[in-house]
N, C-alpha and C. Protein backbone atom coordinates (compact mmCIF):
# COMPACT_ATOMS: atom_id res chain seq x y z
N UNK A 1 112.64 87.07 134.08
CA UNK A 1 112.15 86.06 133.16
C UNK A 1 111.54 86.72 131.93
N UNK A 2 111.51 86.00 130.84
CA UNK A 2 111.03 86.57 129.58
C UNK A 2 109.73 85.91 129.13
N UNK A 3 108.91 85.46 130.03
CA UNK A 3 107.68 84.76 129.67
C UNK A 3 106.80 85.62 128.77
N UNK A 4 106.43 85.08 127.62
CA UNK A 4 105.49 85.74 126.73
C UNK A 4 106.07 86.90 125.94
N UNK A 5 107.36 87.15 126.04
CA UNK A 5 107.97 88.25 125.28
C UNK A 5 108.52 87.69 123.98
N UNK A 6 107.80 87.93 122.89
CA UNK A 6 108.15 87.32 121.61
C UNK A 6 108.86 88.29 120.68
N UNK A 7 108.95 89.55 121.03
CA UNK A 7 109.48 90.57 120.14
C UNK A 7 111.01 90.59 120.20
N UNK A 8 111.68 90.51 119.05
CA UNK A 8 113.14 90.57 119.01
C UNK A 8 113.58 92.02 118.88
N UNK A 9 114.30 92.51 119.87
CA UNK A 9 114.72 93.91 119.88
C UNK A 9 115.96 94.15 119.02
N UNK A 10 116.64 93.09 118.60
CA UNK A 10 117.81 93.17 117.71
C UNK A 10 118.93 94.05 118.30
N UNK A 11 119.01 94.12 119.62
CA UNK A 11 120.05 94.90 120.33
C UNK A 11 120.09 96.35 119.88
N UNK A 12 118.94 96.95 119.69
CA UNK A 12 118.85 98.33 119.23
C UNK A 12 117.76 99.06 120.02
N UNK A 13 117.87 100.37 120.03
CA UNK A 13 116.80 101.16 120.62
C UNK A 13 115.60 101.14 119.68
N UNK A 14 114.46 101.58 120.16
CA UNK A 14 113.24 101.51 119.36
C UNK A 14 113.36 102.35 118.09
N UNK A 15 113.91 103.55 118.18
CA UNK A 15 114.05 104.41 117.00
C UNK A 15 115.01 103.81 115.98
N UNK A 16 116.13 103.29 116.48
CA UNK A 16 117.11 102.67 115.58
C UNK A 16 116.53 101.45 114.90
N UNK A 17 115.81 100.64 115.65
CA UNK A 17 115.19 99.43 115.10
C UNK A 17 114.13 99.79 114.05
N UNK A 18 113.32 100.80 114.34
CA UNK A 18 112.28 101.23 113.40
C UNK A 18 112.90 101.74 112.11
N UNK A 19 113.97 102.52 112.21
CA UNK A 19 114.64 103.05 111.02
C UNK A 19 115.31 101.93 110.22
N UNK A 20 115.93 100.99 110.94
CA UNK A 20 116.60 99.88 110.25
C UNK A 20 115.60 99.00 109.51
N UNK A 21 114.48 98.69 110.13
CA UNK A 21 113.47 97.86 109.48
C UNK A 21 112.84 98.59 108.30
N UNK A 22 112.66 99.89 108.41
CA UNK A 22 112.14 100.67 107.28
C UNK A 22 113.12 100.63 106.12
N UNK A 23 114.41 100.77 106.39
CA UNK A 23 115.43 100.72 105.33
C UNK A 23 115.49 99.34 104.69
N UNK A 24 115.41 98.30 105.51
CA UNK A 24 115.41 96.94 104.96
C UNK A 24 114.16 96.70 104.11
N UNK A 25 113.02 97.21 104.56
CA UNK A 25 111.77 97.03 103.80
C UNK A 25 111.85 97.76 102.46
N UNK A 26 112.41 98.95 102.44
CA UNK A 26 112.57 99.69 101.19
C UNK A 26 113.48 98.92 100.24
N UNK A 27 114.58 98.40 100.77
CA UNK A 27 115.50 97.62 99.92
C UNK A 27 114.83 96.37 99.37
N UNK A 28 114.05 95.70 100.20
CA UNK A 28 113.34 94.49 99.76
C UNK A 28 112.33 94.82 98.67
N UNK A 29 111.60 95.89 98.84
CA UNK A 29 110.59 96.27 97.85
C UNK A 29 111.24 96.68 96.53
N UNK A 30 112.35 97.39 96.60
CA UNK A 30 112.99 97.88 95.38
C UNK A 30 113.76 96.77 94.66
N UNK A 31 114.45 95.91 95.41
CA UNK A 31 115.33 94.90 94.79
C UNK A 31 114.73 93.50 94.75
N UNK A 32 113.64 93.27 95.45
CA UNK A 32 112.89 92.00 95.48
C UNK A 32 113.61 90.89 96.24
N UNK A 33 114.90 91.04 96.54
CA UNK A 33 115.65 90.04 97.30
C UNK A 33 116.83 90.74 97.97
N UNK A 34 117.01 90.50 99.27
CA UNK A 34 118.17 91.06 99.96
C UNK A 34 118.77 89.98 100.85
N UNK A 35 120.05 90.14 101.14
CA UNK A 35 120.76 89.22 102.02
C UNK A 35 121.04 89.93 103.33
N UNK A 36 120.71 89.29 104.44
CA UNK A 36 120.89 89.88 105.76
C UNK A 36 121.02 88.75 106.77
N UNK A 37 121.10 89.11 108.05
CA UNK A 37 121.16 88.06 109.06
C UNK A 37 119.78 87.43 109.24
N UNK A 38 119.77 86.24 109.77
CA UNK A 38 118.52 85.51 109.93
C UNK A 38 117.57 86.24 110.89
N UNK A 39 118.10 86.80 111.98
CA UNK A 39 117.26 87.50 112.94
C UNK A 39 116.61 88.74 112.30
N UNK A 40 117.39 89.48 111.52
CA UNK A 40 116.83 90.67 110.85
C UNK A 40 115.81 90.26 109.80
N UNK A 41 116.07 89.15 109.11
CA UNK A 41 115.13 88.69 108.08
C UNK A 41 113.79 88.31 108.71
N UNK A 42 113.83 87.64 109.85
CA UNK A 42 112.60 87.25 110.52
C UNK A 42 111.84 88.49 111.02
N UNK A 43 112.58 89.46 111.54
CA UNK A 43 111.93 90.69 112.01
C UNK A 43 111.36 91.47 110.82
N UNK A 44 112.09 91.46 109.71
CA UNK A 44 111.63 92.17 108.52
C UNK A 44 110.36 91.54 107.95
N UNK A 45 110.27 90.22 108.03
CA UNK A 45 109.08 89.53 107.52
C UNK A 45 107.84 90.00 108.27
N UNK A 46 107.94 90.11 109.60
CA UNK A 46 106.79 90.58 110.39
C UNK A 46 106.49 92.04 110.11
N UNK A 47 107.49 92.80 109.69
CA UNK A 47 107.33 94.23 109.44
C UNK A 47 106.72 94.50 108.07
N UNK A 48 107.18 93.77 107.04
CA UNK A 48 106.82 94.12 105.67
C UNK A 48 105.54 93.43 105.18
N UNK A 49 105.21 92.27 105.70
CA UNK A 49 104.02 91.57 105.20
C UNK A 49 102.72 92.33 105.44
N UNK A 50 102.52 92.97 106.60
CA UNK A 50 101.31 93.80 106.74
C UNK A 50 101.29 94.98 105.78
N UNK A 51 102.47 95.52 105.44
CA UNK A 51 102.51 96.62 104.48
C UNK A 51 102.10 96.15 103.09
N UNK A 52 102.53 94.95 102.72
CA UNK A 52 102.15 94.41 101.41
C UNK A 52 100.65 94.12 101.38
N UNK A 53 100.12 93.60 102.48
CA UNK A 53 98.68 93.37 102.56
C UNK A 53 97.93 94.69 102.41
N UNK A 54 98.45 95.73 103.03
CA UNK A 54 97.81 97.04 102.96
C UNK A 54 97.86 97.59 101.54
N UNK A 55 98.90 97.23 100.79
CA UNK A 55 99.07 97.77 99.43
C UNK A 55 98.07 97.18 98.43
N UNK A 56 97.41 96.07 98.79
CA UNK A 56 96.41 95.49 97.89
C UNK A 56 95.23 96.44 97.69
N UNK A 57 94.91 97.21 98.73
CA UNK A 57 93.82 98.20 98.65
C UNK A 57 94.47 99.55 98.33
N UNK A 58 94.41 99.95 97.07
CA UNK A 58 95.06 101.19 96.64
C UNK A 58 94.15 102.38 96.90
N UNK A 59 94.15 102.83 98.15
CA UNK A 59 93.37 104.00 98.53
C UNK A 59 94.32 105.04 99.12
N UNK A 60 93.83 106.25 99.24
CA UNK A 60 94.66 107.32 99.79
C UNK A 60 95.05 107.00 101.22
N UNK A 61 94.14 106.48 101.99
CA UNK A 61 94.46 106.14 103.38
C UNK A 61 95.53 105.06 103.46
N UNK A 62 95.42 104.03 102.62
CA UNK A 62 96.43 102.96 102.63
C UNK A 62 97.79 103.51 102.26
N UNK A 63 97.83 104.37 101.26
CA UNK A 63 99.11 104.97 100.85
C UNK A 63 99.71 105.80 101.98
N UNK A 64 98.88 106.54 102.69
CA UNK A 64 99.40 107.37 103.78
C UNK A 64 99.91 106.52 104.93
N UNK A 65 99.20 105.45 105.24
CA UNK A 65 99.64 104.57 106.33
C UNK A 65 100.97 103.92 105.98
N UNK A 66 101.10 103.41 104.75
CA UNK A 66 102.35 102.76 104.35
C UNK A 66 103.48 103.78 104.26
N UNK A 67 103.17 104.99 103.79
CA UNK A 67 104.21 106.03 103.71
C UNK A 67 104.69 106.42 105.10
N UNK A 68 103.83 106.35 106.11
CA UNK A 68 104.27 106.67 107.46
C UNK A 68 105.30 105.66 107.96
N UNK A 69 105.25 104.43 107.45
CA UNK A 69 106.24 103.42 107.82
C UNK A 69 107.52 103.55 106.99
N UNK A 70 107.39 103.75 105.69
CA UNK A 70 108.54 103.68 104.80
C UNK A 70 109.24 105.02 104.57
N UNK A 71 108.48 106.11 104.44
CA UNK A 71 109.04 107.44 104.19
C UNK A 71 109.87 107.47 102.90
N UNK A 72 109.41 106.79 101.86
CA UNK A 72 110.13 106.75 100.58
C UNK A 72 109.11 106.67 99.45
N UNK A 73 109.07 107.68 98.61
CA UNK A 73 108.06 107.75 97.55
C UNK A 73 108.28 106.69 96.48
N UNK A 74 109.55 106.44 96.12
CA UNK A 74 109.84 105.45 95.07
C UNK A 74 109.42 104.05 95.52
N UNK A 75 109.72 103.72 96.77
CA UNK A 75 109.31 102.41 97.29
C UNK A 75 107.79 102.31 97.35
N UNK A 76 107.13 103.41 97.66
CA UNK A 76 105.67 103.42 97.71
C UNK A 76 105.07 103.17 96.33
N UNK A 77 105.64 103.80 95.30
CA UNK A 77 105.17 103.58 93.93
C UNK A 77 105.38 102.13 93.51
N UNK A 78 106.54 101.59 93.84
CA UNK A 78 106.84 100.20 93.49
C UNK A 78 105.90 99.24 94.23
N UNK A 79 105.65 99.52 95.51
CA UNK A 79 104.80 98.64 96.32
C UNK A 79 103.36 98.66 95.83
N UNK A 80 102.82 99.83 95.55
CA UNK A 80 101.43 99.91 95.12
C UNK A 80 101.26 99.63 93.63
N UNK A 81 102.37 99.54 92.88
CA UNK A 81 102.30 99.24 91.45
C UNK A 81 102.51 97.76 91.18
N UNK A 82 103.73 97.39 90.73
CA UNK A 82 104.00 96.00 90.33
C UNK A 82 103.85 94.97 91.46
N UNK A 83 104.27 95.33 92.66
CA UNK A 83 104.20 94.36 93.76
C UNK A 83 102.74 94.04 94.10
N UNK A 84 101.91 95.07 94.20
CA UNK A 84 100.50 94.84 94.54
C UNK A 84 99.78 94.06 93.45
N UNK A 85 100.15 94.26 92.19
CA UNK A 85 99.52 93.50 91.10
C UNK A 85 99.88 92.03 91.17
N UNK A 86 101.15 91.73 91.47
CA UNK A 86 101.59 90.33 91.51
C UNK A 86 100.98 89.57 92.68
N UNK A 87 100.82 90.24 93.83
CA UNK A 87 100.34 89.53 95.02
C UNK A 87 98.85 89.72 95.23
N UNK A 88 98.15 90.25 94.25
CA UNK A 88 96.73 90.57 94.40
C UNK A 88 95.87 89.40 94.80
N UNK A 89 96.14 88.20 94.30
CA UNK A 89 95.29 87.05 94.61
C UNK A 89 95.86 86.17 95.72
N UNK A 90 97.05 86.49 96.20
CA UNK A 90 97.69 85.69 97.26
C UNK A 90 97.14 86.10 98.62
N UNK A 91 96.69 85.14 99.44
CA UNK A 91 96.10 85.50 100.73
C UNK A 91 97.10 85.85 101.82
N UNK A 92 98.38 85.66 101.58
CA UNK A 92 99.41 85.96 102.58
C UNK A 92 100.67 85.23 102.21
N UNK A 93 101.69 85.33 103.04
CA UNK A 93 102.95 84.64 102.77
C UNK A 93 103.66 85.23 101.57
N UNK A 94 103.90 86.53 101.61
CA UNK A 94 104.48 87.22 100.46
C UNK A 94 105.99 87.10 100.40
N UNK A 95 106.62 86.70 101.49
CA UNK A 95 108.08 86.63 101.53
C UNK A 95 108.54 85.21 101.83
N UNK A 96 109.77 84.95 101.46
CA UNK A 96 110.39 83.64 101.69
C UNK A 96 111.78 83.89 102.27
N UNK A 97 112.14 83.16 103.32
CA UNK A 97 113.46 83.26 103.92
C UNK A 97 114.20 81.96 103.65
N UNK A 98 115.40 82.07 103.06
CA UNK A 98 116.22 80.90 102.78
C UNK A 98 117.57 81.09 103.47
N UNK A 99 117.93 80.13 104.31
CA UNK A 99 119.18 80.22 105.06
C UNK A 99 120.37 79.94 104.15
N UNK A 100 121.44 80.70 104.35
CA UNK A 100 122.63 80.56 103.52
C UNK A 100 123.84 80.02 104.27
N UNK A 101 123.76 79.91 105.58
CA UNK A 101 124.90 79.43 106.36
C UNK A 101 125.34 80.51 107.34
N UNK A 102 126.62 80.48 107.68
CA UNK A 102 127.15 81.44 108.64
C UNK A 102 128.14 82.38 107.99
N UNK A 103 128.23 83.59 108.54
CA UNK A 103 129.16 84.60 108.04
C UNK A 103 130.56 84.29 108.58
N UNK A 104 131.57 84.53 107.75
CA UNK A 104 132.93 84.19 108.10
C UNK A 104 133.43 84.96 109.32
N UNK A 105 133.15 86.26 109.39
CA UNK A 105 133.74 87.09 110.44
C UNK A 105 133.22 86.82 111.83
N UNK A 106 131.90 86.74 112.00
CA UNK A 106 131.34 86.62 113.35
C UNK A 106 130.43 85.41 113.51
N UNK A 107 130.38 84.56 112.54
CA UNK A 107 129.57 83.33 112.57
C UNK A 107 128.09 83.61 112.75
N UNK A 108 127.63 84.77 112.28
CA UNK A 108 126.20 85.07 112.32
C UNK A 108 125.50 84.29 111.22
N UNK A 109 124.29 83.82 111.50
CA UNK A 109 123.53 83.08 110.50
C UNK A 109 123.04 84.06 109.44
N UNK A 110 123.34 83.76 108.19
CA UNK A 110 122.97 84.62 107.07
C UNK A 110 121.84 83.96 106.30
N UNK A 111 120.92 84.80 105.81
CA UNK A 111 119.80 84.31 105.02
C UNK A 111 119.44 85.38 104.00
N UNK A 112 118.78 84.96 102.92
CA UNK A 112 118.20 86.00 102.08
C UNK A 112 116.69 85.91 102.17
N UNK A 113 116.09 87.07 102.09
CA UNK A 113 114.64 87.19 102.14
C UNK A 113 114.22 87.76 100.80
N UNK A 114 113.18 87.18 100.21
CA UNK A 114 112.75 87.61 98.88
C UNK A 114 111.24 87.63 98.81
N UNK A 115 110.75 88.39 97.85
CA UNK A 115 109.32 88.39 97.56
C UNK A 115 109.02 87.16 96.72
N UNK A 116 108.06 86.37 97.13
CA UNK A 116 107.79 85.06 96.54
C UNK A 116 107.43 85.16 95.06
N UNK A 117 106.57 86.08 94.69
CA UNK A 117 106.07 86.13 93.32
C UNK A 117 107.08 86.70 92.33
N UNK A 118 108.23 87.15 92.78
CA UNK A 118 109.21 87.74 91.87
C UNK A 118 110.41 86.83 91.63
N UNK A 119 110.40 85.62 92.15
CA UNK A 119 111.52 84.70 91.94
C UNK A 119 111.21 83.82 90.73
N UNK A 120 111.87 84.09 89.61
CA UNK A 120 111.59 83.38 88.36
C UNK A 120 111.98 81.91 88.47
N UNK A 121 113.05 81.60 89.18
CA UNK A 121 113.50 80.21 89.29
C UNK A 121 112.47 79.33 89.99
N UNK A 122 111.87 79.85 91.05
CA UNK A 122 110.89 79.05 91.79
C UNK A 122 109.57 78.97 91.03
N UNK A 123 109.25 79.99 90.25
CA UNK A 123 107.98 79.96 89.52
C UNK A 123 108.01 78.96 88.37
N UNK A 124 109.19 78.72 87.78
CA UNK A 124 109.29 77.83 86.62
C UNK A 124 109.19 76.36 87.00
N UNK A 125 109.65 76.00 88.18
CA UNK A 125 109.67 74.59 88.55
C UNK A 125 108.26 74.12 88.87
N UNK A 126 107.84 73.00 88.28
CA UNK A 126 106.50 72.47 88.60
C UNK A 126 106.50 71.87 89.99
N UNK A 127 105.36 71.95 90.64
CA UNK A 127 105.25 71.40 91.97
C UNK A 127 105.18 69.88 91.90
N UNK A 128 105.95 69.23 92.75
CA UNK A 128 105.95 67.77 92.80
C UNK A 128 104.67 67.29 93.48
N UNK A 129 104.22 66.12 93.04
CA UNK A 129 103.03 65.56 93.65
C UNK A 129 103.35 65.14 95.07
N UNK A 130 102.45 65.44 95.97
CA UNK A 130 102.67 65.11 97.36
C UNK A 130 102.32 63.65 97.59
N UNK A 131 103.27 62.89 98.12
CA UNK A 131 103.04 61.48 98.38
C UNK A 131 102.96 61.26 99.88
N UNK A 132 101.99 60.49 100.28
CA UNK A 132 101.85 60.16 101.69
C UNK A 132 101.93 58.66 101.84
N UNK A 133 102.09 58.23 103.04
CA UNK A 133 102.20 56.79 103.28
C UNK A 133 100.89 56.08 103.00
N UNK A 134 99.79 56.78 103.11
CA UNK A 134 98.50 56.14 102.92
C UNK A 134 98.15 55.95 101.45
N UNK A 135 98.93 56.50 100.56
CA UNK A 135 98.57 56.42 99.14
C UNK A 135 99.28 55.28 98.42
N UNK A 136 99.75 54.30 99.14
CA UNK A 136 100.46 53.20 98.49
C UNK A 136 99.55 52.41 97.55
N UNK A 137 98.33 52.13 97.98
CA UNK A 137 97.42 51.36 97.14
C UNK A 137 97.11 52.11 95.86
N UNK A 138 96.88 53.41 95.97
CA UNK A 138 96.56 54.18 94.77
C UNK A 138 97.77 54.31 93.86
N UNK A 139 98.98 54.37 94.43
CA UNK A 139 100.16 54.48 93.58
C UNK A 139 100.41 53.17 92.84
N UNK A 140 100.08 52.01 93.47
CA UNK A 140 100.22 50.73 92.77
C UNK A 140 99.19 50.63 91.65
N UNK A 141 98.00 51.12 91.92
CA UNK A 141 96.96 51.09 90.91
C UNK A 141 97.32 52.00 89.74
N UNK A 142 97.99 53.14 90.03
CA UNK A 142 98.40 54.04 88.96
C UNK A 142 99.59 53.46 88.20
N UNK A 143 100.44 52.71 88.88
CA UNK A 143 101.64 52.16 88.25
C UNK A 143 101.27 51.07 87.24
N UNK A 144 100.21 50.30 87.49
CA UNK A 144 99.82 49.22 86.58
C UNK A 144 99.43 49.75 85.20
N UNK A 145 98.60 50.79 85.07
CA UNK A 145 98.29 51.31 83.74
C UNK A 145 99.53 51.89 83.05
N UNK A 146 100.43 52.47 83.82
CA UNK A 146 101.66 53.02 83.24
C UNK A 146 102.49 51.90 82.64
N UNK A 147 102.58 50.75 83.35
CA UNK A 147 103.34 49.62 82.84
C UNK A 147 102.70 49.08 81.55
N UNK A 148 101.37 49.04 81.51
CA UNK A 148 100.68 48.57 80.31
C UNK A 148 100.94 49.52 79.14
N UNK A 149 100.95 50.81 79.41
CA UNK A 149 101.23 51.78 78.35
C UNK A 149 102.65 51.62 77.83
N UNK A 150 103.59 51.32 78.74
CA UNK A 150 104.98 51.15 78.33
C UNK A 150 105.10 49.92 77.42
N UNK A 151 104.36 48.85 77.74
CA UNK A 151 104.39 47.66 76.90
C UNK A 151 103.79 47.94 75.53
N UNK A 152 102.74 48.76 75.50
CA UNK A 152 102.09 49.09 74.23
C UNK A 152 103.00 49.97 73.38
N UNK A 153 103.79 50.83 74.03
CA UNK A 153 104.69 51.71 73.28
C UNK A 153 105.94 51.00 72.81
N UNK A 154 106.33 49.93 73.46
CA UNK A 154 107.57 49.23 73.12
C UNK A 154 107.55 48.70 71.68
N UNK A 155 106.49 48.04 71.20
CA UNK A 155 106.51 47.59 69.80
C UNK A 155 106.57 48.77 68.82
N UNK A 156 105.97 49.87 69.18
CA UNK A 156 106.03 51.04 68.30
C UNK A 156 107.47 51.52 68.17
N UNK A 157 108.21 51.46 69.26
CA UNK A 157 109.61 51.87 69.22
C UNK A 157 110.42 50.92 68.34
N UNK A 158 110.11 49.60 68.40
CA UNK A 158 110.80 48.63 67.55
C UNK A 158 110.53 48.90 66.08
N UNK A 159 109.30 49.27 65.74
CA UNK A 159 108.95 49.57 64.35
C UNK A 159 109.74 50.76 63.85
N UNK A 160 109.91 51.76 64.69
CA UNK A 160 110.69 52.94 64.29
C UNK A 160 112.13 52.54 64.03
N UNK A 161 112.66 51.66 64.86
CA UNK A 161 114.05 51.23 64.69
C UNK A 161 114.21 50.48 63.37
N UNK A 162 113.23 49.64 63.00
CA UNK A 162 113.34 48.90 61.75
C UNK A 162 113.25 49.85 60.56
N UNK A 163 112.52 50.95 60.72
CA UNK A 163 112.41 51.91 59.62
C UNK A 163 113.73 52.63 59.44
N UNK A 164 114.42 52.92 60.54
CA UNK A 164 115.67 53.66 60.47
C UNK A 164 116.79 52.80 59.87
N UNK A 165 116.78 51.50 60.10
CA UNK A 165 117.86 50.64 59.61
C UNK A 165 117.91 50.63 58.09
N UNK A 166 116.80 50.45 57.37
CA UNK A 166 116.90 50.49 55.91
C UNK A 166 117.36 51.87 55.41
N UNK A 167 116.97 52.93 56.09
CA UNK A 167 117.42 54.25 55.66
C UNK A 167 118.93 54.36 55.81
N UNK A 168 119.47 53.78 56.87
CA UNK A 168 120.92 53.80 57.06
C UNK A 168 121.61 52.96 55.98
N UNK A 169 120.99 51.82 55.62
CA UNK A 169 121.58 50.98 54.58
C UNK A 169 121.55 51.71 53.23
N UNK A 170 120.49 52.45 52.96
CA UNK A 170 120.42 53.20 51.69
C UNK A 170 121.50 54.27 51.65
N UNK A 171 121.78 54.93 52.79
CA UNK A 171 122.82 55.94 52.82
C UNK A 171 124.18 55.30 52.55
N UNK A 172 124.42 54.11 53.11
CA UNK A 172 125.69 53.42 52.87
C UNK A 172 125.82 53.01 51.41
N UNK A 173 124.71 52.57 50.81
CA UNK A 173 124.72 52.17 49.42
C UNK A 173 125.03 53.35 48.51
N UNK A 174 124.48 54.55 48.84
CA UNK A 174 124.76 55.75 48.04
C UNK A 174 126.22 56.16 48.14
N UNK A 175 126.79 56.03 49.35
CA UNK A 175 128.20 56.37 49.52
C UNK A 175 129.07 55.41 48.74
N UNK A 176 128.73 54.13 48.72
CA UNK A 176 129.51 53.14 47.98
C UNK A 176 129.41 53.36 46.49
N UNK A 177 128.26 53.84 46.01
CA UNK A 177 128.07 54.07 44.59
C UNK A 177 128.91 55.27 44.12
N UNK A 178 129.14 56.22 44.96
CA UNK A 178 129.92 57.40 44.59
C UNK A 178 131.35 57.03 44.49
């Protein structure tokens, strides 16, 4: 029975798994987004998030601990430089996993894992207001002033239209005069 065994071994020996996760972590830190299987992405998330948390404290000990996991100087510079600056105020949740479907050859679930603060597309979109079922009364109360504002703006729009019509007539008159 597997009661209480939550660790995914990924069908690899411990050394192979450690090396693979280190390589995936280096690729994620350097490229900010990688595509892999869903199981590897979930394992990588548990592996790399403590390293990113450790990189917030730029001390010699933190650098040595992270280097013992990664064994890559360039990734270490990137992690303690731009990555640590971007995630400095974030309390956790540095990565995002998005499922992409299944792979053609073996039907493995594919996903990409990315660093949250480095995705420009997600940063540009404004967050939608969260609506709950209990907020119906407040949404009706908010809708009434909006309707009143729309009524107040409607005559202003009509005035603009009347201003544009004489300008159009003057243009037609100038063309006819030529």
